[in-house]
Amino acid sequence: MAGTSPAGRGVFEGELRAAAAELRRLKAEHDSPTGKEIAARAARGGRPLSESGISGTLKGRHLPGFDYYMTIVRVLLTYETGQIATRQHKDLAAWRERWQRLQALKEQAKIDRKAPDPSGLGSRPIEPSGGLAEQVVLAALRRGEYLQLLPTASATGGVWAVAFSPDGSLMATGHGAKTAQLWDTVTQQKAAAPLLGHTDIVRAVAFSPNGRLLATGSQDETVRLWDIASRTLVADPLKGHGDSVTTVLFSADGRHLITVGRTIRLWDLADVTQPRKVGKPWASSLTAQPALSSTGLLATGHPNGVAHLWNPIEQKKLGEPLQGHAEEVSAVAFSHDGQLLATASHDIQLWSVHSRQMIHEPLNCEEDQVSTMSFSPDGRVLAAVSGHIKGEEVGDHVVRLWDTATWREIEAPLGGHTGVVDAAAFSPDNRLYATGGYDGLLRVRILPSAPIS
C-alpha cells in the first residue's frame, strides 16, 4: 500500500487488522488448528490454500481473494466436526459482508493514492487525463448519488439475460447472436471470447454459488454448463424442455439446477459432468420467470393474478395460491432472507412468506407492466423494470427503486434503454445494477448508497 494517502491507508489497515483478530478468535474457538491443518482441511473441500497465505491473512498482512478468504472462514467455522462448513452456513453472511467492506476500502485506498489532496498539502498536480473529473465522480459516489455509466455492450442482437458472479468480478450476459459473454465488471471489457454452441437466442444465465460454473439457457431448447476457468462445456447439453429455456436457477448449495421452459425441470448436479433428471417436468401456464429463495422455496407466476409457492426438490405445491393482481403475474422476487415475496403485474404486491398475507399497500408502477424485479442482497432496495406494453405498442422501459424500510420510491424512474428490458441483476455489494435490453445495450448503474429524500 506504499504511496496511499495516510487516511485511506489507515482506515483499510485498521479494519484489516480488526478482521484478522476476529479470524484468530474464530480459530481459537474451534480447536486452534495450525496453518498446515487449515490447508489440509481446505484441500479436502476442493480449494488449495498455502500456509503462508493463511498466516498472512490471520495476521492481517494482506486481504486475499474472496474464495480464498471464505474458504479459511468455512474451515474454521466447523473445524472440530472434521468437516468444512457448507456455503449456506448461517454465519457466512457476516463474513461475506466483512470481506466486501475490506475490498471496497482497499479499492478506495488505491483511488485516494491517485487523487490530489483537497487541502493542497502534499498534493500532486492534476493530470491532464481527467483528474478533476475523477474527483467529481468520486465525490458523487461518496455522497451516495446515482450514476449511470456508458453502455458496456452494443449491437449484440439484444441482451436477454445478465448475472453477476458471486464475488462480483464478472458479469455474464445472454445475447440474440446465439452467444453468452463474460465481462470484467471493473473494466467493463469482455473477459474472454464469446461462449459459442447455442443455435438460438441465449435467454438465461446463472452462476453457480461457488462461481465455478455458468449455466446458459437458450431458445434452442437446451441448457449448457460451462467451466468458468477454462470457458469450456463440462457436460453434454441438457435437453428435454420442448420449448425455449427462459430461466436457469442454481440451488443455494449448488447441488441442483432448476430449468424453465414451458414447464419446470429439476436436475441433480452431484456429478456436474453427468447431470441427472429428477422426476418429471412440472408446473405450467407460467407467465413470469420463477424465483428461488435462499431457504429453498420456488415462486411461480400465472394468469389471473395467481402466484404459487413450491418445494422444488419434492416438486410439490405448498399451501393456497397467493392472489391479488387483476391480471397475470409478470415477475416474482424473494428478499435475500427468503421471508418476503414480491409479485408484480401492473403494480407490485408484497407478501409475508410465513403468513401468506400482504404486508403493505401495492406499490404503484403507473400502470406499466413489470418485466423483472429483484431485491438488493442487503434487502434495503427493491428494483423493478417496467414499461408500457399494449399489443404492438411498446414504451421504453425504466428502472424503479423502493426503499424497503419505508416502501417510498427512491429517485424518479431511471431511463437509458429503448424498448423492452427483460434482464437485470444486482451486484453482491448492492451498489451496481445491470440492465440488458432488446436494444442491444448492457447498462451498469451505480445506485444510491442510501435513500435520498
Protein backbone atom coordinates (compact mmCIF):
# COMPACT_ATOMS: atom_id res chain seq x y z
CA MET A 1 0.00 0.00 0.00
CA ALA A 2 3.02 2.26 -0.40
CA GLY A 3 2.06 5.71 -1.62
CA THR A 4 -1.51 5.52 -0.34
CA SER A 5 -2.81 8.60 1.46
CA PRO A 6 -2.47 8.25 5.24
CA ALA A 7 -6.24 8.45 5.85
CA GLY A 8 -7.16 5.86 3.23
CA ARG A 9 -4.31 3.54 4.22
CA GLY A 10 -5.09 3.90 7.91
CA VAL A 11 -8.79 3.02 7.61
CA PHE A 12 -8.14 -0.02 5.43
CA GLU A 13 -5.24 -1.34 7.50
CA GLY A 14 -7.11 -0.73 10.76
CA GLU A 15 -10.17 -2.69 9.61
CA LEU A 16 -7.96 -5.40 8.11
CA ARG A 17 -6.27 -5.88 11.49
CA ALA A 18 -9.65 -5.95 13.23
CA ALA A 19 -10.96 -8.57 10.81
CA ALA A 20 -7.80 -10.64 11.30
CA ALA A 21 -8.33 -10.50 15.06
CA GLU A 22 -11.86 -11.83 14.53
CA LEU A 23 -10.45 -14.65 12.42
CA ARG A 24 -7.98 -15.54 15.14
CA ARG A 25 -10.80 -15.51 17.70
CA LEU A 26 -12.78 -17.85 15.45
CA LYS A 27 -9.71 -20.08 15.17
CA ALA A 28 -9.33 -20.21 18.96
CA GLU A 29 -13.00 -21.10 19.42
CA HIS A 30 -12.70 -24.09 17.09
CA ASP A 31 -9.70 -26.14 18.27
CA SER A 32 -6.98 -23.64 17.21
CA PRO A 33 -5.82 -25.54 14.10
CA THR A 34 -2.37 -24.78 12.70
CA GLY A 35 -1.88 -23.28 9.26
CA LYS A 36 -0.90 -26.72 7.99
CA GLU A 37 -4.10 -28.25 9.41
CA ILE A 38 -6.26 -25.48 7.91
CA ALA A 39 -4.63 -26.00 4.49
CA ALA A 40 -5.20 -29.76 4.69
CA ARG A 41 -8.87 -29.35 5.57
CA ALA A 42 -9.37 -26.75 2.80
CA ALA A 43 -7.84 -29.10 0.22
CA ARG A 44 -10.45 -31.70 1.16
CA GLY A 45 -13.08 -29.08 0.34
CA GLY A 46 -11.54 -28.62 -3.11
CA ARG A 47 -9.73 -25.27 -2.54
CA PRO A 48 -5.91 -25.42 -2.06
CA LEU A 49 -4.52 -22.85 0.38
CA SER A 50 -0.90 -22.14 1.27
CA GLU A 51 0.34 -21.97 4.85
CA SER A 52 1.98 -18.62 4.16
CA GLY A 53 -1.25 -17.23 2.68
CA ILE A 54 -3.23 -18.43 5.70
CA SER A 55 -0.67 -16.93 8.07
CA GLY A 56 -0.70 -13.57 6.28
CA THR A 57 -4.49 -13.46 6.41
CA LEU A 58 -4.69 -14.37 10.09
CA LYS A 59 -2.09 -11.72 10.94
CA GLY A 60 -3.79 -9.01 8.87
CA ARG A 61 -0.86 -8.59 6.50
CA HIS A 62 -2.97 -8.75 3.35
CA LEU A 63 -6.51 -9.30 2.06
CA PRO A 64 -6.76 -12.41 -0.15
CA GLY A 65 -9.38 -13.00 -2.84
CA PHE A 66 -12.98 -13.73 -1.92
CA ASP A 67 -12.89 -17.51 -2.41
CA TYR A 68 -9.59 -17.81 -0.50
CA TYR A 69 -10.84 -15.74 2.42
CA MET A 70 -14.20 -17.51 2.65
CA THR A 71 -12.55 -20.93 2.47
CA ILE A 72 -10.47 -20.09 5.58
CA VAL A 73 -13.67 -18.99 7.33
CA ARG A 74 -15.54 -22.14 6.29
CA VAL A 75 -12.71 -24.36 7.58
CA LEU A 76 -12.57 -22.57 10.94
CA LEU A 77 -16.34 -22.42 11.49
CA THR A 78 -16.71 -26.21 11.76
CA TYR A 79 -13.14 -27.39 12.26
CA GLU A 80 -13.88 -29.52 15.32
CA THR A 81 -16.51 -31.51 13.34
CA GLY A 82 -13.93 -32.78 10.85
CA GLN A 83 -15.86 -31.12 8.00
CA ILE A 84 -15.72 -27.85 6.09
CA ALA A 85 -18.80 -25.64 6.57
CA THR A 86 -21.29 -25.57 3.71
CA ARG A 87 -21.70 -22.38 1.70
CA GLN A 88 -25.14 -21.99 3.31
CA HIS A 89 -23.81 -21.86 6.90
CA LYS A 90 -25.76 -19.22 8.82
CA ASP A 91 -22.62 -17.33 9.94
CA LEU A 92 -21.12 -16.86 6.48
CA ALA A 93 -23.20 -13.81 5.53
CA ALA A 94 -21.45 -11.60 8.11
CA TRP A 95 -18.01 -12.74 6.92
CA ARG A 96 -19.01 -12.17 3.31
CA GLU A 97 -20.05 -8.62 4.15
CA ARG A 98 -16.79 -8.09 6.07
CA TRP A 99 -14.70 -9.14 3.05
CA GLN A 100 -16.75 -6.93 0.73
CA ARG A 101 -16.21 -3.93 3.00
CA LEU A 102 -12.49 -4.61 3.23
CA GLN A 103 -12.25 -4.94 -0.55
CA ALA A 104 -14.12 -1.65 -1.00
CA LEU A 105 -11.77 0.08 1.46
CA LYS A 106 -8.79 -1.41 -0.35
CA GLU A 107 -10.03 -0.05 -3.68
CA GLN A 108 -10.83 3.29 -2.07
CA ALA A 109 -7.27 3.48 -0.75
CA LYS A 110 -5.98 2.92 -4.28
CA ILE A 111 -8.16 5.76 -5.55
CA ASP A 112 -7.03 8.02 -2.72
CA ARG A 113 -3.44 7.31 -3.64
CA LYS A 114 -4.07 8.72 -7.11
CA ALA A 115 -6.37 11.61 -6.15
CA PRO A 116 -4.96 15.08 -5.33
CA ASP A 117 -5.13 16.18 -1.69
CA PRO A 118 -8.05 18.68 -1.46
CA SER A 119 -6.09 20.69 1.15
CA GLY A 120 -3.28 21.24 -1.29
CA LEU A 121 -0.74 19.93 1.24
CA GLY A 122 1.49 17.40 -0.40
CA SER A 123 -0.84 17.06 -3.37
CA ARG A 124 0.31 16.29 -6.85
CA PRO A 125 -0.67 18.38 -9.88
CA ILE A 126 -3.93 17.37 -11.55
CA GLU A 127 -3.09 15.24 -14.53
CA PRO A 128 -4.46 16.37 -17.90
CA SER A 129 -6.02 12.90 -18.28
CA GLY A 130 -9.09 13.92 -16.26
CA GLY A 131 -8.05 14.13 -12.63
CA LEU A 132 -10.65 16.82 -11.88
CA ALA A 133 -13.41 14.76 -13.48
CA GLU A 134 -12.33 11.77 -11.43
CA GLN A 135 -12.62 13.84 -8.26
CA VAL A 136 -16.16 14.92 -9.21
CA VAL A 137 -17.22 11.32 -9.80
CA LEU A 138 -15.57 10.17 -6.57
CA ALA A 139 -17.27 12.93 -4.59
CA ALA A 140 -20.65 11.95 -6.07
CA LEU A 141 -20.09 8.34 -5.09
CA ARG A 142 -19.17 9.32 -1.56
CA ARG A 143 -22.41 11.31 -1.33
CA GLY A 144 -24.29 8.17 -2.40
CA GLU A 145 -25.60 9.64 -5.64
CA TYR A 146 -26.90 7.67 -8.58
CA LEU A 147 -24.63 7.45 -11.64
CA GLN A 148 -25.24 5.76 -14.98
CA LEU A 149 -22.20 4.58 -16.88
CA LEU A 150 -21.88 4.44 -20.64
CA PRO A 151 -23.26 1.29 -22.28
CA THR A 152 -20.94 -1.66 -21.84
CA ALA A 153 -22.23 -3.56 -24.86
CA SER A 154 -23.99 -2.65 -28.08
CA ALA A 155 -25.01 -4.37 -31.32
CA THR A 156 -25.33 -7.73 -29.58
CA GLY A 157 -28.62 -8.81 -31.09
CA GLY A 158 -30.20 -7.86 -27.80
CA VAL A 159 -29.19 -8.50 -24.18
CA TRP A 160 -31.66 -11.10 -22.95
CA ALA A 161 -30.05 -12.10 -19.66
CA VAL A 162 -27.49 -10.80 -17.16
CA ALA A 163 -25.99 -12.09 -13.90
CA PHE A 164 -23.11 -11.18 -11.58
CA SER A 165 -20.66 -13.79 -10.31
CA PRO A 166 -20.81 -14.42 -6.53
CA ASP A 167 -17.76 -12.20 -5.92
CA GLY A 168 -19.00 -9.56 -8.38
CA SER A 169 -15.84 -9.62 -10.51
CA LEU A 170 -17.62 -10.93 -13.60
CA MET A 171 -20.90 -10.33 -15.37
CA ALA A 172 -22.44 -12.88 -17.73
CA THR A 173 -24.86 -11.94 -20.49
CA GLY A 174 -27.00 -13.84 -22.97
CA HIS A 175 -27.50 -12.48 -26.47
CA GLY A 176 -29.63 -12.77 -29.57
CA ALA A 177 -26.46 -13.56 -31.51
CA LYS A 178 -26.58 -17.14 -30.11
CA THR A 179 -23.79 -16.35 -27.66
CA ALA A 180 -23.11 -15.83 -23.98
CA GLN A 181 -20.43 -13.38 -22.92
CA LEU A 182 -18.36 -12.79 -19.79
CA TRP A 183 -17.40 -9.23 -18.83
CA ASP A 184 -14.92 -7.81 -16.34
CA THR A 185 -17.13 -5.77 -14.02
CA VAL A 186 -14.49 -3.16 -13.18
CA THR A 187 -13.02 -2.54 -16.63
CA GLN A 188 -16.37 -3.08 -18.42
CA GLN A 189 -14.46 -5.05 -21.06
CA LYS A 190 -15.05 -8.55 -22.40
CA ALA A 191 -13.31 -11.07 -20.14
CA ALA A 192 -12.89 -13.66 -22.89
CA ALA A 193 -14.13 -14.73 -26.28
CA PRO A 194 -17.90 -15.39 -26.54
CA LEU A 195 -19.20 -18.77 -25.37
CA LEU A 196 -20.37 -20.48 -28.55
CA GLY A 197 -22.58 -23.51 -29.00
CA HIS A 198 -26.20 -22.48 -28.74
CA THR A 199 -28.10 -22.28 -32.02
CA ASP A 200 -30.62 -19.62 -30.98
CA ILE A 201 -31.06 -16.70 -28.57
CA VAL A 202 -29.46 -17.19 -25.14
CA ARG A 203 -32.28 -16.20 -22.79
CA ALA A 204 -30.96 -17.17 -19.35
CA VAL A 205 -27.63 -17.14 -17.48
CA ALA A 206 -26.74 -18.04 -13.88
CA PHE A 207 -23.52 -18.57 -11.92
CA SER A 208 -23.23 -21.48 -9.50
CA PRO A 209 -22.90 -20.46 -5.83
CA ASN A 210 -19.16 -21.24 -5.85
CA GLY A 211 -18.66 -19.19 -9.01
CA ARG A 212 -17.06 -22.05 -10.92
CA LEU A 213 -19.91 -22.84 -13.31
CA LEU A 214 -22.13 -20.83 -15.62
CA ALA A 215 -25.46 -22.20 -16.79
CA THR A 216 -26.95 -20.83 -20.02
CA GLY A 217 -30.44 -21.48 -21.33
CA SER A 218 -31.49 -20.87 -24.91
CA GLN A 219 -34.37 -20.63 -27.30
CA ASP A 220 -32.81 -23.73 -28.90
CA GLU A 221 -34.47 -25.68 -26.02
CA THR A 222 -31.17 -26.65 -24.35
CA VAL A 223 -29.17 -25.73 -21.26
CA ARG A 224 -25.37 -25.73 -21.24
CA LEU A 225 -22.98 -25.84 -18.28
CA TRP A 226 -19.65 -24.04 -18.67
CA ASP A 227 -16.49 -24.15 -16.58
CA ILE A 228 -15.62 -20.51 -15.88
CA ALA A 229 -11.87 -21.06 -15.61
CA SER A 230 -11.46 -22.90 -18.93
CA ARG A 231 -14.51 -21.44 -20.74
CA THR A 232 -15.43 -24.97 -21.85
CA LEU A 233 -18.51 -27.18 -21.51
CA VAL A 234 -18.47 -29.58 -18.57
CA ALA A 235 -21.33 -31.79 -19.81
CA ASP A 236 -23.45 -32.54 -22.84
CA PRO A 237 -26.27 -30.03 -23.45
CA LEU A 238 -29.26 -30.63 -21.17
CA LYS A 239 -32.35 -31.41 -23.24
CA GLY A 240 -35.97 -32.31 -22.72
CA HIS A 241 -37.74 -28.97 -22.29
CA GLY A 242 -39.76 -28.93 -25.50
CA ASP A 243 -39.64 -25.16 -25.56
CA SER A 244 -37.37 -22.15 -25.18
CA VAL A 245 -35.46 -22.15 -21.86
CA THR A 246 -36.18 -18.84 -20.17
CA THR A 247 -34.78 -19.38 -16.66
CA VAL A 248 -31.90 -21.26 -15.03
CA LEU A 249 -31.54 -21.31 -11.22
CA PHE A 250 -28.93 -22.99 -9.03
CA SER A 251 -29.98 -24.15 -5.58
CA ALA A 252 -28.17 -22.44 -2.71
CA ASP A 253 -25.94 -25.47 -2.14
CA GLY A 254 -25.20 -25.87 -5.86
CA ARG A 255 -26.42 -29.48 -5.89
CA HIS A 256 -29.48 -28.86 -8.05
CA LEU A 257 -30.31 -26.86 -11.15
CA ILE A 258 -33.82 -25.69 -12.00
CA THR A 259 -34.50 -25.03 -15.68
CA VAL A 260 -37.67 -23.49 -17.05
CA GLY A 261 -39.29 -23.75 -20.44
CA ARG A 262 -42.97 -24.45 -20.97
CA THR A 263 -42.70 -26.35 -17.69
CA ILE A 264 -40.07 -26.68 -14.94
CA ARG A 265 -37.42 -29.38 -14.75
CA LEU A 266 -35.07 -30.30 -11.90
CA TRP A 267 -31.52 -31.64 -12.36
CA ASP A 268 -29.21 -33.31 -9.84
CA LEU A 269 -25.66 -31.91 -10.13
CA ALA A 270 -23.93 -34.25 -7.69
CA ASP A 271 -21.73 -35.06 -10.70
CA VAL A 272 -21.67 -31.94 -12.86
CA THR A 273 -20.28 -33.93 -15.78
CA GLN A 274 -23.37 -36.15 -15.73
CA PRO A 275 -26.42 -34.04 -14.71
CA ARG A 276 -29.34 -36.30 -13.84
CA LYS A 277 -33.02 -35.52 -14.42
CA VAL A 278 -35.06 -35.60 -11.22
CA GLY A 279 -38.73 -36.51 -11.55
CA LYS A 280 -40.92 -35.30 -14.38
CA PRO A 281 -41.44 -31.76 -15.71
CA TRP A 282 -43.93 -29.87 -13.50
CA ALA A 283 -45.90 -26.63 -13.26
CA SER A 284 -47.44 -24.99 -16.31
CA SER A 285 -49.13 -21.79 -17.53
CA LEU A 286 -46.09 -19.80 -16.38
CA THR A 287 -46.26 -16.05 -17.00
CA ALA A 288 -43.15 -14.97 -15.06
CA GLN A 289 -39.61 -16.19 -14.61
CA PRO A 290 -39.69 -18.26 -11.39
CA ALA A 291 -37.62 -17.17 -8.39
CA LEU A 292 -35.77 -19.38 -5.91
CA SER A 293 -35.37 -18.27 -2.29
CA SER A 294 -32.33 -18.70 -0.05
CA THR A 295 -34.45 -21.10 2.01
CA GLY A 296 -35.18 -23.31 -1.00
CA LEU A 297 -38.72 -22.24 -1.93
CA LEU A 298 -39.70 -21.62 -5.55
CA ALA A 299 -42.22 -18.95 -6.57
CA THR A 300 -44.09 -19.04 -9.88
CA GLY A 301 -46.40 -16.53 -11.57
CA HIS A 302 -49.52 -17.47 -13.52
CA PRO A 303 -52.55 -15.98 -15.33
CA ASN A 304 -55.40 -14.33 -13.43
CA GLY A 305 -53.12 -12.74 -10.86
CA VAL A 306 -52.06 -16.01 -9.24
CA ALA A 307 -48.68 -16.91 -7.70
CA HIS A 308 -47.72 -20.26 -6.17
CA LEU A 309 -45.03 -21.42 -3.76
CA TRP A 310 -43.37 -24.81 -4.26
CA ASN A 311 -40.94 -27.22 -2.70
CA PRO A 312 -38.89 -27.73 -5.88
CA ILE A 313 -37.00 -30.79 -4.65
CA GLU A 314 -40.26 -32.63 -3.98
CA GLN A 315 -41.99 -30.80 -6.87
CA LYS A 316 -44.86 -30.12 -4.51
CA LYS A 317 -47.13 -27.08 -4.33
CA LEU A 318 -47.26 -25.50 -0.87
CA GLY A 319 -50.48 -24.07 0.53
CA GLU A 320 -53.09 -21.96 -1.16
CA PRO A 321 -52.26 -19.66 -4.07
CA LEU A 322 -51.39 -16.03 -3.49
CA GLN A 323 -53.88 -13.96 -5.44
CA GLY A 324 -54.27 -10.21 -5.58
CA HIS A 325 -53.45 -8.88 -9.05
CA ALA A 326 -56.13 -8.14 -11.63
CA GLU A 327 -54.01 -9.54 -14.47
CA GLU A 328 -51.26 -12.10 -14.99
CA VAL A 329 -48.28 -12.13 -12.64
CA SER A 330 -45.35 -10.92 -14.78
CA ALA A 331 -42.50 -11.06 -12.21
CA VAL A 332 -41.70 -12.55 -8.80
CA ALA A 333 -38.78 -11.98 -6.39
CA PHE A 334 -37.75 -13.12 -2.91
CA SER A 335 -35.94 -10.99 -0.38
CA HIS A 336 -32.45 -12.29 0.43
CA ASP A 337 -33.57 -13.84 3.72
CA GLY A 338 -36.49 -15.58 2.00
CA GLN A 339 -39.10 -14.05 4.33
CA LEU A 340 -40.68 -11.67 1.81
CA LEU A 341 -42.08 -12.33 -1.66
CA ALA A 342 -42.84 -9.60 -4.17
CA THR A 343 -45.25 -10.32 -7.02
CA ALA A 344 -45.81 -7.94 -9.88
CA SER A 345 -48.18 -7.18 -12.71
CA HIS A 346 -49.08 -3.52 -13.28
CA ASP A 347 -48.34 -2.96 -9.62
CA ILE A 348 -46.23 -4.75 -7.00
CA GLN A 349 -47.66 -6.64 -4.05
CA LEU A 350 -45.63 -7.65 -1.00
CA TRP A 351 -46.31 -10.89 0.85
CA SER A 352 -45.08 -12.47 4.07
CA VAL A 353 -43.91 -15.95 3.07
CA HIS A 354 -44.76 -17.25 6.55
CA SER A 355 -48.29 -15.85 6.91
CA ARG A 356 -49.21 -15.64 3.19
CA GLN A 357 -50.62 -12.16 3.91
CA MET A 358 -49.87 -8.87 2.17
CA ILE A 359 -47.73 -6.64 4.36
CA HIS A 360 -48.23 -3.31 2.57
CA GLU A 361 -50.37 -1.48 0.09
CA PRO A 362 -49.44 -2.29 -3.55
CA LEU A 363 -46.54 -0.27 -4.96
CA ASN A 364 -47.55 1.97 -7.86
CA CYS A 365 -45.95 1.37 -11.28
CA GLU A 366 -48.12 3.92 -13.11
CA GLU A 367 -49.94 1.14 -14.97
CA ASP A 368 -46.70 -0.07 -16.57
CA GLN A 369 -46.16 -3.83 -16.63
CA VAL A 370 -43.19 -5.09 -14.61
CA SER A 371 -40.89 -7.33 -16.68
CA THR A 372 -38.34 -8.23 -13.99
CA MET A 373 -37.55 -7.28 -10.39
CA SER A 374 -35.19 -8.19 -7.56
CA PHE A 375 -34.19 -7.23 -4.04
CA SER A 376 -30.68 -5.98 -3.34
CA PRO A 377 -28.59 -8.56 -1.45
CA ASP A 378 -28.77 -6.47 1.75
CA GLY A 379 -32.55 -6.22 1.41
CA ARG A 380 -32.61 -2.41 1.53
CA VAL A 381 -33.79 -1.81 -2.03
CA LEU A 382 -36.38 -3.36 -4.34
CA ALA A 383 -35.71 -2.71 -8.03
CA ALA A 384 -38.27 -3.30 -10.77
CA VAL A 385 -38.03 -2.79 -14.52
CA SER A 386 -41.32 -1.77 -16.08
CA GLY A 387 -42.73 -0.34 -19.27
CA HIS A 388 -45.88 0.21 -21.26
CA ILE A 389 -46.86 -2.77 -23.42
CA LYS A 390 -50.16 -2.86 -25.26
CA GLY A 391 -50.41 -5.03 -28.36
CA GLU A 392 -47.80 -3.81 -30.83
CA GLU A 393 -47.25 -0.62 -28.85
CA VAL A 394 -44.17 -0.82 -26.60
CA GLY A 395 -42.83 2.02 -24.47
CA ASP A 396 -39.27 2.48 -23.24
CA HIS A 397 -38.69 0.50 -20.05
CA VAL A 398 -37.39 2.21 -16.90
CA VAL A 399 -35.96 1.14 -13.54
CA ARG A 400 -37.95 1.92 -10.39
CA LEU A 401 -36.39 1.71 -6.91
CA TRP A 402 -38.05 1.47 -3.49
CA ASP A 403 -36.58 1.81 -0.01
CA THR A 404 -37.79 -1.36 1.76
CA ALA A 405 -37.73 0.32 5.19
CA THR A 406 -40.45 2.80 4.20
CA TRP A 407 -41.60 1.49 0.78
CA ARG A 408 -41.10 5.00 -0.57
CA GLU A 409 -39.78 5.31 -4.10
CA ILE A 410 -36.14 6.37 -4.40
CA GLU A 411 -35.39 8.85 -7.19
CA ALA A 412 -37.53 9.21 -10.30
CA PRO A 413 -37.70 6.23 -12.70
CA LEU A 414 -34.29 5.69 -14.32
CA GLY A 415 -34.17 5.52 -18.12
CA GLY A 416 -31.44 4.64 -20.58
CA HIS A 417 -32.92 1.95 -22.80
CA THR A 418 -35.10 2.00 -25.88
CA GLY A 419 -37.91 -0.52 -25.81
CA VAL A 420 -38.17 -3.67 -23.68
CA VAL A 421 -35.75 -4.60 -20.88
CA ASP A 422 -36.03 -8.19 -19.63
CA ALA A 423 -32.62 -8.64 -17.98
CA ALA A 424 -31.49 -7.10 -14.70
CA ALA A 425 -29.29 -8.01 -11.73
CA PHE A 426 -27.76 -6.57 -8.55
CA SER A 427 -24.06 -6.93 -7.78
CA PRO A 428 -23.14 -8.67 -4.50
CA ASP A 429 -22.14 -5.34 -2.90
CA ASN A 430 -25.64 -3.86 -3.56
CA ARG A 431 -24.38 -0.74 -5.37
CA LEU A 432 -24.30 -1.88 -9.01
CA TYR A 433 -27.44 -2.67 -11.00
CA ALA A 434 -27.05 -4.03 -14.52
CA THR A 435 -29.80 -3.99 -17.14
CA GLY A 436 -29.89 -5.50 -20.61
CA GLY A 437 -32.39 -4.59 -23.30
CA TYR A 438 -33.69 -5.67 -26.65
CA ASP A 439 -31.92 -2.52 -27.89
CA GLY A 440 -28.66 -4.45 -27.54
CA LEU A 441 -27.31 -2.33 -24.69
CA LEU A 442 -25.90 -3.53 -21.39
CA ARG A 443 -26.01 -0.70 -18.87
CA VAL A 444 -24.49 -0.64 -15.40
CA ARG A 445 -25.77 1.87 -12.86
CA ILE A 446 -24.18 2.88 -9.56
CA LEU A 447 -27.17 3.14 -7.26
CA PRO A 448 -27.55 5.43 -4.23
CA SER A 449 -25.88 4.02 -1.14
CA ALA A 450 -28.77 5.27 0.99
CA PRO A 451 -32.28 6.56 0.25
CA ILE A 452 -32.29 10.12 -0.99
CA SER A 453 -35.13 12.25 0.36
